[in-house]
Amino acid sequence: MKKVRPIVSNLEEIIINRQSDGVIIEYVDSDYGTTHLQMPLKAVRELSDEEIMAFYNAKLKERTKHAAANP
């Protein structure tokens, strides 16, 4: 059974694979599955892994906040 995706706190918890249309974020713990984060190719090329992780974390926090406000 897949676990709910956590808020990623560090790069040791994920593997970032760059693609032409975004990044694939794989969790080291495979029970969490993978995520395809779409972003422009320019961003994929220019952003560091830390910046991609921070962007992803911000999106997860937004989703959690929205879900709490709209039960």
N, C-alpha and C. Protein backbone atom coordinates (compact mmCIF):
# COMPACT_ATOMS: atom_id res chain seq x y z
N MET A 1 0.84 -1.18 0.00
CA MET A 1 0.00 0.00 0.00
C MET A 1 0.88 1.24 0.00
N LYS A 2 0.57 2.18 -0.88
CA LYS A 2 1.35 3.42 -0.97
C LYS A 2 1.08 4.30 0.24
N LYS A 3 2.14 4.97 0.71
CA LYS A 3 2.03 5.92 1.81
C LYS A 3 1.65 7.28 1.26
N VAL A 4 1.09 8.12 2.11
CA VAL A 4 0.83 9.51 1.73
C VAL A 4 2.18 10.19 1.54
N ARG A 5 2.29 11.01 0.51
CA ARG A 5 3.56 11.68 0.25
C ARG A 5 3.89 12.67 1.37
N PRO A 6 5.11 12.63 1.86
CA PRO A 6 5.51 13.57 2.93
C PRO A 6 6.00 14.88 2.35
N ILE A 7 6.12 15.85 3.22
CA ILE A 7 6.83 17.08 2.85
C ILE A 7 8.31 16.72 2.86
N VAL A 8 8.97 16.89 1.75
CA VAL A 8 10.38 16.52 1.65
C VAL A 8 11.21 17.56 2.38
N SER A 9 12.03 17.11 3.29
CA SER A 9 12.82 18.07 4.06
C SER A 9 14.28 18.14 3.63
N ASN A 10 14.73 17.10 2.93
CA ASN A 10 16.12 17.15 2.47
C ASN A 10 16.32 16.28 1.24
N LEU A 11 17.42 16.48 0.57
CA LEU A 11 17.68 15.78 -0.69
C LEU A 11 18.00 14.31 -0.50
N GLU A 12 18.30 13.88 0.71
CA GLU A 12 18.57 12.47 0.96
C GLU A 12 17.31 11.62 0.84
N GLU A 13 16.15 12.25 0.87
CA GLU A 13 14.88 11.53 0.82
C GLU A 13 14.34 11.34 -0.60
N ILE A 14 14.93 12.05 -1.57
CA ILE A 14 14.41 11.99 -2.93
C ILE A 14 15.53 11.85 -3.95
N ILE A 15 15.13 11.42 -5.16
CA ILE A 15 16.02 11.38 -6.32
C ILE A 15 15.33 12.23 -7.39
N ILE A 16 16.04 13.20 -7.94
CA ILE A 16 15.50 14.08 -8.95
C ILE A 16 16.06 13.69 -10.31
N ASN A 17 15.17 13.34 -11.22
CA ASN A 17 15.56 12.99 -12.59
C ASN A 17 14.98 14.03 -13.53
N ARG A 18 15.85 14.75 -14.21
CA ARG A 18 15.41 15.80 -15.13
C ARG A 18 14.93 15.20 -16.45
N GLN A 19 13.83 15.75 -16.96
CA GLN A 19 13.24 15.36 -18.24
C GLN A 19 13.05 16.64 -19.05
N SER A 20 12.67 16.52 -20.31
CA SER A 20 12.49 17.72 -21.14
C SER A 20 11.25 18.51 -20.74
N ASP A 21 10.29 17.87 -20.07
CA ASP A 21 9.06 18.57 -19.70
C ASP A 21 8.89 18.72 -18.18
N GLY A 22 9.97 18.54 -17.44
CA GLY A 22 9.89 18.68 -15.99
C GLY A 22 10.87 17.75 -15.30
N VAL A 23 10.51 17.39 -14.08
CA VAL A 23 11.36 16.47 -13.33
C VAL A 23 10.51 15.35 -12.76
N ILE A 24 11.13 14.20 -12.62
CA ILE A 24 10.53 13.07 -11.94
C ILE A 24 11.17 13.04 -10.56
N ILE A 25 10.33 13.08 -9.54
CA ILE A 25 10.81 13.02 -8.16
C ILE A 25 10.47 11.64 -7.63
N GLU A 26 11.51 10.89 -7.32
CA GLU A 26 11.34 9.55 -6.75
C GLU A 26 11.78 9.60 -5.29
N TYR A 27 10.98 8.99 -4.45
CA TYR A 27 11.36 8.90 -3.05
C TYR A 27 12.29 7.71 -2.86
N VAL A 28 13.28 7.86 -2.01
CA VAL A 28 14.19 6.76 -1.70
C VAL A 28 13.37 5.60 -1.13
N ASP A 29 12.39 5.90 -0.29
CA ASP A 29 11.44 4.90 0.21
C ASP A 29 10.39 4.70 -0.88
N SER A 30 10.49 3.61 -1.62
CA SER A 30 9.63 3.39 -2.79
C SER A 30 8.15 3.30 -2.44
N ASP A 31 7.79 3.12 -1.18
CA ASP A 31 6.38 3.09 -0.79
C ASP A 31 5.69 4.43 -1.04
N TYR A 32 6.47 5.50 -1.20
CA TYR A 32 5.88 6.82 -1.44
C TYR A 32 5.62 7.07 -2.93
N GLY A 33 6.11 6.21 -3.80
CA GLY A 33 5.85 6.39 -5.23
C GLY A 33 6.70 7.49 -5.85
N THR A 34 6.24 7.97 -7.00
CA THR A 34 6.95 9.02 -7.73
C THR A 34 6.00 10.14 -8.10
N THR A 35 6.58 11.28 -8.42
CA THR A 35 5.81 12.45 -8.82
C THR A 35 6.44 13.05 -10.06
N HIS A 36 5.61 13.43 -11.02
CA HIS A 36 6.09 14.14 -12.21
C HIS A 36 5.74 15.61 -12.01
N LEU A 37 6.74 16.43 -11.83
CA LEU A 37 6.55 17.86 -11.62
C LEU A 37 6.85 18.56 -12.94
N GLN A 38 5.81 19.08 -13.58
CA GLN A 38 6.01 19.75 -14.87
C GLN A 38 6.56 21.15 -14.66
N MET A 39 7.55 21.47 -15.45
CA MET A 39 8.15 22.81 -15.43
C MET A 39 8.82 23.04 -16.78
N PRO A 40 9.00 24.31 -17.13
CA PRO A 40 9.63 24.62 -18.42
C PRO A 40 11.06 24.07 -18.49
N LEU A 41 11.48 23.71 -19.70
CA LEU A 41 12.82 23.17 -19.91
C LEU A 41 13.89 24.11 -19.38
N LYS A 42 13.70 25.41 -19.56
CA LYS A 42 14.68 26.39 -19.05
C LYS A 42 14.85 26.24 -17.54
N ALA A 43 13.74 26.07 -16.82
CA ALA A 43 13.81 25.89 -15.37
C ALA A 43 14.50 24.58 -15.02
N VAL A 44 14.18 23.52 -15.76
CA VAL A 44 14.80 22.21 -15.52
C VAL A 44 16.31 22.33 -15.64
N ARG A 45 16.75 23.06 -16.64
CA ARG A 45 18.19 23.21 -16.88
C ARG A 45 18.88 24.13 -15.87
N GLU A 46 18.18 25.19 -15.46
CA GLU A 46 18.83 26.23 -14.66
C GLU A 46 18.71 26.05 -13.15
N LEU A 47 17.66 25.41 -12.69
CA LEU A 47 17.46 25.28 -11.25
C LEU A 47 18.33 24.17 -10.67
N SER A 48 18.86 24.42 -9.48
CA SER A 48 19.62 23.38 -8.79
C SER A 48 18.66 22.37 -8.17
N ASP A 49 19.19 21.24 -7.75
CA ASP A 49 18.34 20.26 -7.07
C ASP A 49 17.69 20.87 -5.83
N GLU A 50 18.44 21.69 -5.10
CA GLU A 50 17.90 22.33 -3.90
C GLU A 50 16.73 23.25 -4.24
N GLU A 51 16.84 23.99 -5.35
CA GLU A 51 15.77 24.89 -5.77
C GLU A 51 14.53 24.10 -6.22
N ILE A 52 14.75 23.00 -6.92
CA ILE A 52 13.63 22.15 -7.33
C ILE A 52 12.94 21.58 -6.11
N MET A 53 13.72 21.10 -5.15
CA MET A 53 13.16 20.55 -3.92
C MET A 53 12.36 21.62 -3.16
N ALA A 54 12.87 22.83 -3.07
CA ALA A 54 12.17 23.92 -2.39
C ALA A 54 10.86 24.24 -3.10
N PHE A 55 10.86 24.27 -4.43
CA PHE A 55 9.65 24.52 -5.21
C PHE A 55 8.62 23.42 -4.95
N TYR A 56 9.07 22.18 -4.97
CA TYR A 56 8.20 21.04 -4.73
C TYR A 56 7.62 21.10 -3.31
N ASN A 57 8.46 21.38 -2.33
CA ASN A 57 7.98 21.50 -0.95
C ASN A 57 6.91 22.58 -0.84
N ALA A 58 7.12 23.71 -1.50
CA ALA A 58 6.15 24.81 -1.46
C ALA A 58 4.81 24.36 -2.04
N LYS A 59 4.85 23.60 -3.15
CA LYS A 59 3.62 23.09 -3.75
C LYS A 59 2.90 22.13 -2.81
N LEU A 60 3.66 21.26 -2.14
CA LEU A 60 3.04 20.33 -1.19
C LEU A 60 2.40 21.09 -0.02
N LYS A 61 3.07 22.13 0.46
CA LYS A 61 2.51 22.93 1.55
C LYS A 61 1.24 23.64 1.12
N GLU A 62 1.23 24.19 -0.10
CA GLU A 62 0.03 24.85 -0.64
C GLU A 62 -1.13 23.86 -0.72
N ARG A 63 -0.86 22.67 -1.21
CA ARG A 63 -1.90 21.65 -1.35
C ARG A 63 -2.47 21.26 0.02
N THR A 64 -1.59 21.10 1.00
CA THR A 64 -2.02 20.74 2.35
C THR A 64 -2.87 21.85 2.95
N LYS A 65 -2.45 23.10 2.78
CA LYS A 65 -3.18 24.24 3.30
C LYS A 65 -4.55 24.34 2.63
N HIS A 66 -4.60 24.15 1.31
CA HIS A 66 -5.87 24.22 0.58
C HIS A 66 -6.81 23.10 1.04
N ALA A 67 -6.28 21.90 1.22
CA ALA A 67 -7.10 20.78 1.65
C ALA A 67 -7.67 21.02 3.05
N ALA A 68 -6.88 21.61 3.92
CA ALA A 68 -7.35 21.89 5.28
C ALA A 68 -8.44 22.96 5.28
N ALA A 69 -8.34 23.92 4.38
CA ALA A 69 -9.31 25.00 4.31
C ALA A 69 -10.59 24.59 3.57
N ASN A 70 -10.51 23.49 2.82
CA ASN A 70 -11.66 23.02 2.02
C ASN A 70 -11.91 21.53 2.26
N PRO A 71 -12.39 21.21 3.46
CA PRO A 71 -12.57 19.77 3.80
C PRO A 71 -13.63 19.07 2.99
